[in-house]
Amino acid sequence: MREASAQGARIAHVPEGAIRFPDKFVMSVDGPDAVGPADWDRCQWPFLRAELAAIAEPARELRLWTVVASVHRLTGPNRPHNSLYVCSDRGEVVTRYDERLLSRTKVSYMYSPGVSPVTFDVDGTRFGCLLGMEIHYPELFAE
């Protein structure tokens, strides 16, 4: 983030898996060699919140919009969302995108799908959010 800011970037994207991300085998009640329903009690939720905060602070310090993939916890018994958090250049989470079109494994064992498209503007440029296999669906880009 510091290098991007030093080179004049106004936005940085931290992709899926760049911070600790629950693996489908580790989370599986049938694992670690088989994929099965995820046991979200195994997730280190405080650690994920701390990692997001650790990214939001330099975003504020560097005045750098930052998009980071992480898991968003829902109330039980709902599975969490696979999400993108958008931190403004003030270090505040201003919106969140929840992946809507999930792979068979994700929807069967890991996550709840999101429901809405999300866009945000940085210096007059509008950005839209997509995750995972959603890149294969032009209708989502059109939205």
N, C-alpha and C. Protein backbone atom coordinates (compact mmCIF):
# COMPACT_ATOMS: atom_id res chain seq x y z
N MET A 1 0.82 -1.18 0.00
CA MET A 1 0.00 0.00 0.00
C MET A 1 0.88 1.25 0.00
N ARG A 2 1.96 1.18 0.76
CA ARG A 2 2.87 2.35 0.79
C ARG A 2 3.51 2.59 -0.58
N GLU A 3 3.92 1.52 -1.23
CA GLU A 3 4.53 1.64 -2.55
C GLU A 3 3.53 2.19 -3.56
N ALA A 4 2.30 1.68 -3.53
CA ALA A 4 1.27 2.17 -4.44
C ALA A 4 1.00 3.65 -4.20
N SER A 5 0.89 4.04 -2.95
CA SER A 5 0.65 5.44 -2.62
C SER A 5 1.81 6.33 -3.08
N ALA A 6 3.03 5.86 -2.86
CA ALA A 6 4.22 6.63 -3.26
C ALA A 6 4.26 6.85 -4.77
N GLN A 7 3.66 5.92 -5.52
CA GLN A 7 3.64 6.06 -6.98
C GLN A 7 2.39 6.80 -7.48
N GLY A 8 1.60 7.34 -6.55
CA GLY A 8 0.45 8.16 -6.93
C GLY A 8 -0.87 7.43 -7.06
N ALA A 9 -0.92 6.16 -6.68
CA ALA A 9 -2.19 5.42 -6.76
C ALA A 9 -3.20 6.03 -5.81
N ARG A 10 -4.47 5.98 -6.20
CA ARG A 10 -5.56 6.45 -5.34
C ARG A 10 -6.38 5.29 -4.80
N ILE A 11 -6.18 4.08 -5.40
CA ILE A 11 -6.92 2.91 -4.95
C ILE A 11 -6.03 1.68 -5.06
N ALA A 12 -6.17 0.79 -4.08
CA ALA A 12 -5.44 -0.48 -4.07
C ALA A 12 -6.45 -1.59 -3.83
N HIS A 13 -6.21 -2.75 -4.47
CA HIS A 13 -7.09 -3.90 -4.29
C HIS A 13 -6.28 -5.04 -3.68
N VAL A 14 -6.77 -5.53 -2.54
CA VAL A 14 -6.15 -6.67 -1.87
C VAL A 14 -7.02 -7.88 -2.19
N PRO A 15 -6.56 -8.80 -3.03
CA PRO A 15 -7.42 -9.87 -3.54
C PRO A 15 -7.74 -10.96 -2.52
N GLU A 16 -8.69 -11.81 -2.91
CA GLU A 16 -9.06 -12.97 -2.10
C GLU A 16 -7.81 -13.75 -1.70
N GLY A 17 -7.74 -14.13 -0.47
CA GLY A 17 -6.64 -14.96 0.01
C GLY A 17 -5.41 -14.18 0.44
N ALA A 18 -5.38 -12.87 0.24
CA ALA A 18 -4.21 -12.09 0.64
C ALA A 18 -4.12 -11.98 2.16
N ILE A 19 -5.27 -11.93 2.82
CA ILE A 19 -5.27 -12.03 4.27
C ILE A 19 -5.75 -13.44 4.61
N ARG A 20 -5.68 -13.81 5.85
CA ARG A 20 -6.07 -15.17 6.25
C ARG A 20 -7.50 -15.42 5.78
N PHE A 21 -7.70 -16.51 5.06
CA PHE A 21 -8.98 -16.82 4.45
C PHE A 21 -9.33 -18.27 4.77
N PRO A 22 -10.49 -18.53 5.34
CA PRO A 22 -10.84 -19.91 5.69
C PRO A 22 -10.87 -20.82 4.47
N ASP A 23 -10.10 -21.88 4.49
CA ASP A 23 -10.01 -22.83 3.40
C ASP A 23 -11.14 -23.84 3.49
N LYS A 24 -11.68 -24.23 2.34
CA LYS A 24 -12.82 -25.17 2.32
C LYS A 24 -12.48 -26.52 2.95
N PHE A 25 -11.22 -26.94 2.90
CA PHE A 25 -10.84 -28.21 3.51
C PHE A 25 -10.68 -28.06 5.03
N VAL A 26 -10.11 -26.97 5.45
CA VAL A 26 -9.92 -26.72 6.88
C VAL A 26 -11.26 -26.53 7.57
N MET A 27 -12.18 -25.85 6.91
CA MET A 27 -13.48 -25.56 7.51
C MET A 27 -14.44 -26.74 7.44
N SER A 28 -14.16 -27.71 6.60
CA SER A 28 -15.06 -28.84 6.37
C SER A 28 -15.19 -29.74 7.59
N VAL A 29 -16.44 -30.07 7.93
CA VAL A 29 -16.64 -31.04 9.01
C VAL A 29 -16.17 -32.43 8.57
N ASP A 30 -16.02 -32.64 7.26
CA ASP A 30 -15.55 -33.90 6.71
C ASP A 30 -14.06 -33.87 6.39
N GLY A 31 -13.40 -32.72 6.63
CA GLY A 31 -12.01 -32.51 6.24
C GLY A 31 -11.04 -33.21 7.18
N PRO A 32 -9.76 -33.06 6.93
CA PRO A 32 -9.17 -32.13 5.98
C PRO A 32 -8.98 -32.67 4.57
N ASP A 33 -9.43 -33.89 4.30
CA ASP A 33 -9.22 -34.45 2.96
C ASP A 33 -10.46 -34.42 2.09
N ALA A 34 -11.58 -34.00 2.63
CA ALA A 34 -12.83 -33.96 1.87
C ALA A 34 -13.58 -32.67 2.16
N VAL A 35 -14.23 -32.16 1.13
CA VAL A 35 -15.04 -30.95 1.29
C VAL A 35 -16.43 -31.35 1.76
N GLY A 36 -16.87 -30.72 2.81
CA GLY A 36 -18.21 -30.93 3.35
C GLY A 36 -18.71 -29.63 3.93
N PRO A 37 -19.83 -29.65 4.61
CA PRO A 37 -20.36 -28.42 5.21
C PRO A 37 -19.31 -27.75 6.11
N ALA A 38 -19.23 -26.45 6.00
CA ALA A 38 -18.26 -25.70 6.79
C ALA A 38 -18.71 -25.57 8.24
N ASP A 39 -17.77 -25.70 9.14
CA ASP A 39 -18.01 -25.46 10.56
C ASP A 39 -17.44 -24.08 10.87
N TRP A 40 -18.29 -23.05 10.81
CA TRP A 40 -17.83 -21.68 10.97
C TRP A 40 -17.44 -21.34 12.39
N ASP A 41 -17.68 -22.26 13.34
CA ASP A 41 -17.18 -22.05 14.69
C ASP A 41 -15.65 -22.14 14.71
N ARG A 42 -15.07 -22.73 13.67
CA ARG A 42 -13.60 -22.84 13.57
C ARG A 42 -12.95 -21.53 13.11
N CYS A 43 -13.74 -20.64 12.59
CA CYS A 43 -13.19 -19.39 12.05
C CYS A 43 -12.71 -18.48 13.19
N GLN A 44 -11.59 -17.86 12.97
CA GLN A 44 -11.03 -16.94 13.95
C GLN A 44 -11.55 -15.52 13.65
N TRP A 45 -12.82 -15.27 13.97
CA TRP A 45 -13.48 -14.00 13.64
C TRP A 45 -12.74 -12.79 14.18
N PRO A 46 -12.28 -12.81 15.43
CA PRO A 46 -11.55 -11.62 15.92
C PRO A 46 -10.29 -11.33 15.10
N PHE A 47 -9.61 -12.39 14.66
CA PHE A 47 -8.41 -12.22 13.85
C PHE A 47 -8.75 -11.57 12.50
N LEU A 48 -9.85 -12.02 11.86
CA LEU A 48 -10.25 -11.41 10.58
C LEU A 48 -10.59 -9.94 10.76
N ARG A 49 -11.29 -9.59 11.84
CA ARG A 49 -11.61 -8.18 12.11
C ARG A 49 -10.33 -7.37 12.32
N ALA A 50 -9.38 -7.96 13.03
CA ALA A 50 -8.10 -7.27 13.27
C ALA A 50 -7.33 -7.05 11.97
N GLU A 51 -7.37 -8.03 11.07
CA GLU A 51 -6.68 -7.87 9.78
C GLU A 51 -7.32 -6.75 8.96
N LEU A 52 -8.65 -6.68 8.95
CA LEU A 52 -9.32 -5.61 8.23
C LEU A 52 -8.94 -4.25 8.83
N ALA A 53 -8.92 -4.15 10.15
CA ALA A 53 -8.51 -2.90 10.80
C ALA A 53 -7.06 -2.55 10.47
N ALA A 54 -6.21 -3.57 10.37
CA ALA A 54 -4.80 -3.33 10.04
C ALA A 54 -4.62 -2.83 8.62
N ILE A 55 -5.59 -3.05 7.76
CA ILE A 55 -5.55 -2.52 6.39
C ILE A 55 -6.20 -1.15 6.35
N ALA A 56 -7.25 -0.95 7.12
CA ALA A 56 -7.95 0.34 7.13
C ALA A 56 -7.06 1.46 7.67
N GLU A 57 -6.22 1.17 8.65
CA GLU A 57 -5.37 2.22 9.23
C GLU A 57 -4.39 2.81 8.21
N PRO A 58 -3.60 2.01 7.48
CA PRO A 58 -2.74 2.64 6.47
C PRO A 58 -3.53 3.26 5.32
N ALA A 59 -4.73 2.75 5.05
CA ALA A 59 -5.58 3.41 4.03
C ALA A 59 -5.83 4.85 4.44
N ARG A 60 -6.14 5.06 5.72
CA ARG A 60 -6.37 6.42 6.23
C ARG A 60 -5.07 7.22 6.20
N GLU A 61 -4.03 6.64 6.72
CA GLU A 61 -2.74 7.33 6.81
C GLU A 61 -2.24 7.76 5.42
N LEU A 62 -2.39 6.88 4.44
CA LEU A 62 -1.88 7.13 3.09
C LEU A 62 -2.88 7.82 2.18
N ARG A 63 -4.13 8.01 2.69
CA ARG A 63 -5.21 8.60 1.89
C ARG A 63 -5.42 7.77 0.62
N LEU A 64 -5.53 6.45 0.81
CA LEU A 64 -5.61 5.49 -0.28
C LEU A 64 -6.88 4.65 -0.13
N TRP A 65 -7.78 4.74 -1.10
CA TRP A 65 -8.93 3.86 -1.12
C TRP A 65 -8.40 2.43 -1.21
N THR A 66 -9.02 1.52 -0.48
CA THR A 66 -8.54 0.15 -0.45
C THR A 66 -9.71 -0.82 -0.47
N VAL A 67 -9.63 -1.82 -1.33
CA VAL A 67 -10.65 -2.86 -1.43
C VAL A 67 -10.00 -4.16 -1.00
N VAL A 68 -10.62 -4.82 -0.02
CA VAL A 68 -10.02 -6.04 0.53
C VAL A 68 -11.07 -7.14 0.63
N ALA A 69 -10.71 -8.33 0.17
CA ALA A 69 -11.60 -9.49 0.24
C ALA A 69 -11.48 -10.13 1.62
N SER A 70 -12.63 -10.47 2.19
CA SER A 70 -12.66 -11.17 3.46
C SER A 70 -14.03 -11.82 3.62
N VAL A 71 -14.22 -12.47 4.72
CA VAL A 71 -15.48 -13.14 5.02
C VAL A 71 -16.30 -12.23 5.93
N HIS A 72 -17.60 -12.12 5.64
CA HIS A 72 -18.49 -11.29 6.47
C HIS A 72 -19.43 -12.20 7.25
N ARG A 73 -19.31 -12.13 8.55
CA ARG A 73 -20.10 -12.99 9.44
C ARG A 73 -21.56 -12.55 9.48
N LEU A 74 -22.45 -13.53 9.40
CA LEU A 74 -23.88 -13.31 9.57
C LEU A 74 -24.33 -13.98 10.87
N THR A 75 -25.52 -13.65 11.31
CA THR A 75 -26.03 -14.30 12.51
C THR A 75 -26.34 -15.76 12.20
N GLY A 76 -26.09 -16.63 13.17
CA GLY A 76 -26.37 -18.05 13.00
C GLY A 76 -27.85 -18.30 12.85
N PRO A 77 -28.22 -19.32 12.12
CA PRO A 77 -27.39 -20.37 11.55
C PRO A 77 -26.95 -20.06 10.12
N ASN A 78 -27.07 -18.82 9.70
CA ASN A 78 -26.71 -18.45 8.33
C ASN A 78 -25.21 -18.53 8.11
N ARG A 79 -24.83 -19.05 6.95
CA ARG A 79 -23.42 -19.05 6.57
C ARG A 79 -23.01 -17.61 6.24
N PRO A 80 -21.73 -17.29 6.37
CA PRO A 80 -21.27 -15.92 6.07
C PRO A 80 -21.28 -15.63 4.57
N HIS A 81 -21.02 -14.37 4.25
CA HIS A 81 -20.83 -13.95 2.86
C HIS A 81 -19.34 -13.95 2.54
N ASN A 82 -19.01 -14.23 1.29
CA ASN A 82 -17.67 -13.98 0.74
C ASN A 82 -17.74 -12.56 0.20
N SER A 83 -16.95 -11.66 0.74
CA SER A 83 -17.19 -10.24 0.52
C SER A 83 -15.95 -9.45 0.11
N LEU A 84 -16.22 -8.27 -0.44
CA LEU A 84 -15.22 -7.24 -0.64
C LEU A 84 -15.60 -6.06 0.23
N TYR A 85 -14.68 -5.63 1.09
CA TYR A 85 -14.88 -4.43 1.90
C TYR A 85 -14.21 -3.28 1.18
N VAL A 86 -14.89 -2.15 1.07
CA VAL A 86 -14.33 -0.96 0.45
C VAL A 86 -14.04 0.06 1.54
N CYS A 87 -12.75 0.35 1.75
CA CYS A 87 -12.32 1.36 2.72
C CYS A 87 -12.02 2.65 1.98
N SER A 88 -12.59 3.73 2.46
CA SER A 88 -12.32 5.03 1.85
C SER A 88 -10.91 5.48 2.20
N ASP A 89 -10.52 6.59 1.61
CA ASP A 89 -9.20 7.16 1.92
C ASP A 89 -9.19 7.81 3.31
N ARG A 90 -10.29 7.69 4.04
CA ARG A 90 -10.35 8.10 5.45
C ARG A 90 -10.21 6.89 6.37
N GLY A 91 -10.03 5.68 5.77
CA GLY A 91 -9.87 4.47 6.55
C GLY A 91 -11.16 3.90 7.09
N GLU A 92 -12.29 4.32 6.51
CA GLU A 92 -13.60 3.85 6.95
C GLU A 92 -14.18 2.89 5.93
N VAL A 93 -14.78 1.80 6.41
CA VAL A 93 -15.49 0.90 5.50
C VAL A 93 -16.76 1.64 5.06
N VAL A 94 -16.84 1.91 3.75
CA VAL A 94 -17.98 2.68 3.24
C VAL A 94 -19.02 1.81 2.55
N THR A 95 -18.63 0.62 2.12
CA THR A 95 -19.59 -0.31 1.54
C THR A 95 -18.98 -1.70 1.55
N ARG A 96 -19.84 -2.67 1.25
CA ARG A 96 -19.38 -4.06 1.20
C ARG A 96 -20.13 -4.74 0.07
N TYR A 97 -19.41 -5.51 -0.71
CA TYR A 97 -20.03 -6.32 -1.76
C TYR A 97 -19.98 -7.78 -1.34
N ASP A 98 -21.12 -8.45 -1.45
CA ASP A 98 -21.21 -9.87 -1.13
C ASP A 98 -21.37 -10.66 -2.42
N GLU A 99 -20.45 -11.59 -2.68
CA GLU A 99 -20.49 -12.41 -3.89
C GLU A 99 -21.88 -13.03 -4.07
N ARG A 100 -22.44 -12.86 -5.28
CA ARG A 100 -23.82 -13.31 -5.54
C ARG A 100 -23.89 -14.65 -6.26
N LEU A 101 -23.04 -14.86 -7.25
CA LEU A 101 -23.05 -16.12 -8.00
C LEU A 101 -21.91 -16.99 -7.50
N LEU A 102 -22.25 -17.91 -6.65
CA LEU A 102 -21.26 -18.75 -6.00
C LEU A 102 -21.04 -20.06 -6.75
N SER A 103 -19.83 -20.57 -6.68
CA SER A 103 -19.55 -21.88 -7.25
C SER A 103 -20.38 -22.93 -6.51
N ARG A 104 -20.48 -24.10 -7.09
CA ARG A 104 -21.25 -25.18 -6.46
C ARG A 104 -20.72 -25.48 -5.04
N THR A 105 -19.42 -25.53 -4.89
CA THR A 105 -18.83 -25.81 -3.57
C THR A 105 -19.15 -24.69 -2.59
N LYS A 106 -18.97 -23.44 -3.03
CA LYS A 106 -19.22 -22.32 -2.12
C LYS A 106 -20.67 -22.28 -1.65
N VAL A 107 -21.61 -22.44 -2.57
CA VAL A 107 -23.02 -22.34 -2.19
C VAL A 107 -23.48 -23.57 -1.42
N SER A 108 -22.91 -24.73 -1.70
CA SER A 108 -23.31 -25.96 -1.03
C SER A 108 -22.74 -26.07 0.38
N TYR A 109 -21.52 -25.57 0.58
CA TYR A 109 -20.83 -25.83 1.83
C TYR A 109 -20.30 -24.61 2.59
N MET A 110 -20.11 -23.50 1.92
CA MET A 110 -19.35 -22.43 2.56
C MET A 110 -20.13 -21.15 2.86
N TYR A 111 -20.78 -20.58 1.84
CA TYR A 111 -21.26 -19.20 1.96
C TYR A 111 -22.73 -19.04 1.62
N SER A 112 -23.29 -17.93 2.08
CA SER A 112 -24.61 -17.47 1.64
C SER A 112 -24.38 -16.46 0.52
N PRO A 113 -25.18 -16.51 -0.54
CA PRO A 113 -25.00 -15.54 -1.62
C PRO A 113 -25.48 -14.16 -1.23
N GLY A 114 -24.84 -13.15 -1.82
CA GLY A 114 -25.30 -11.78 -1.68
C GLY A 114 -26.48 -11.52 -2.60
N VAL A 115 -27.01 -10.30 -2.55
CA VAL A 115 -28.22 -10.02 -3.33
C VAL A 115 -28.13 -8.77 -4.20
N SER A 116 -27.14 -7.91 -4.00
CA SER A 116 -27.15 -6.62 -4.69
C SER A 116 -25.81 -6.27 -5.32
N PRO A 117 -25.85 -5.57 -6.46
CA PRO A 117 -24.61 -5.02 -7.01
C PRO A 117 -24.13 -3.87 -6.14
N VAL A 118 -22.84 -3.58 -6.20
CA VAL A 118 -22.26 -2.48 -5.43
C VAL A 118 -21.31 -1.71 -6.33
N THR A 119 -21.46 -0.39 -6.32
CA THR A 119 -20.50 0.49 -7.00
C THR A 119 -20.06 1.56 -6.01
N PHE A 120 -18.93 2.16 -6.29
CA PHE A 120 -18.44 3.29 -5.50
C PHE A 120 -17.59 4.17 -6.41
N ASP A 121 -17.44 5.43 -6.05
CA ASP A 121 -16.72 6.41 -6.86
C ASP A 121 -15.46 6.89 -6.15
N VAL A 122 -14.39 6.97 -6.93
CA VAL A 122 -13.13 7.53 -6.44
C VAL A 122 -12.67 8.56 -7.45
N ASP A 123 -12.61 9.81 -7.02
CA ASP A 123 -12.13 10.90 -7.88
C ASP A 123 -12.84 10.93 -9.23
N GLY A 124 -14.14 10.72 -9.24
CA GLY A 124 -14.93 10.80 -10.47
C GLY A 124 -14.96 9.54 -11.31
N THR A 125 -14.31 8.46 -10.87
CA THR A 125 -14.35 7.20 -11.58
C THR A 125 -15.19 6.21 -10.78
N ARG A 126 -16.14 5.57 -11.45
CA ARG A 126 -17.00 4.60 -10.78
C ARG A 126 -16.42 3.20 -10.92
N PHE A 127 -16.41 2.47 -9.80
CA PHE A 127 -15.93 1.10 -9.75
C PHE A 127 -17.07 0.18 -9.36
N GLY A 128 -17.11 -1.01 -9.95
CA GLY A 128 -18.06 -2.04 -9.57
C GLY A 128 -17.31 -3.22 -8.99
N CYS A 129 -17.98 -3.96 -8.15
CA CYS A 129 -17.35 -5.08 -7.46
C CYS A 129 -17.91 -6.42 -7.94
N LEU A 130 -17.03 -7.37 -8.17
CA LEU A 130 -17.37 -8.76 -8.44
C LEU A 130 -16.31 -9.63 -7.78
N LEU A 131 -16.68 -10.88 -7.53
CA LEU A 131 -15.76 -11.82 -6.88
C LEU A 131 -15.81 -13.19 -7.55
N GLY A 132 -14.72 -13.92 -7.44
CA GLY A 132 -14.69 -15.31 -7.85
C GLY A 132 -15.11 -15.54 -9.28
N MET A 133 -15.98 -16.53 -9.47
CA MET A 133 -16.40 -16.92 -10.82
C MET A 133 -17.33 -15.91 -11.49
N GLU A 134 -17.71 -14.87 -10.77
CA GLU A 134 -18.59 -13.85 -11.36
C GLU A 134 -17.97 -13.16 -12.57
N ILE A 135 -16.66 -13.25 -12.70
CA ILE A 135 -15.98 -12.66 -13.85
C ILE A 135 -16.48 -13.25 -15.18
N HIS A 136 -17.08 -14.42 -15.14
CA HIS A 136 -17.55 -15.10 -16.34
C HIS A 136 -18.95 -14.66 -16.78
N TYR A 137 -19.55 -13.72 -16.09
CA TYR A 137 -20.93 -13.32 -16.38
C TYR A 137 -21.00 -11.85 -16.78
N PRO A 138 -21.02 -11.59 -18.10
CA PRO A 138 -21.03 -10.19 -18.57
C PRO A 138 -22.24 -9.41 -18.08
N GLU A 139 -23.34 -10.09 -17.80
CA GLU A 139 -24.52 -9.39 -17.32
C GLU A 139 -24.27 -8.73 -15.95
N LEU A 140 -23.35 -9.28 -15.18
CA LEU A 140 -23.02 -8.66 -13.91
C LEU A 140 -22.20 -7.39 -14.12
N PHE A 141 -21.32 -7.40 -15.14
CA PHE A 141 -20.58 -6.19 -15.48
C PHE A 141 -21.53 -5.12 -15.99
N ALA A 142 -22.50 -5.53 -16.77
CA ALA A 142 -23.48 -4.58 -17.32
C ALA A 142 -24.30 -3.91 -16.22
N GLU A 143 -24.57 -4.65 -15.16
CA GLU A 143 -25.31 -4.07 -14.04
C GLU A 143 -24.61 -2.86 -13.48
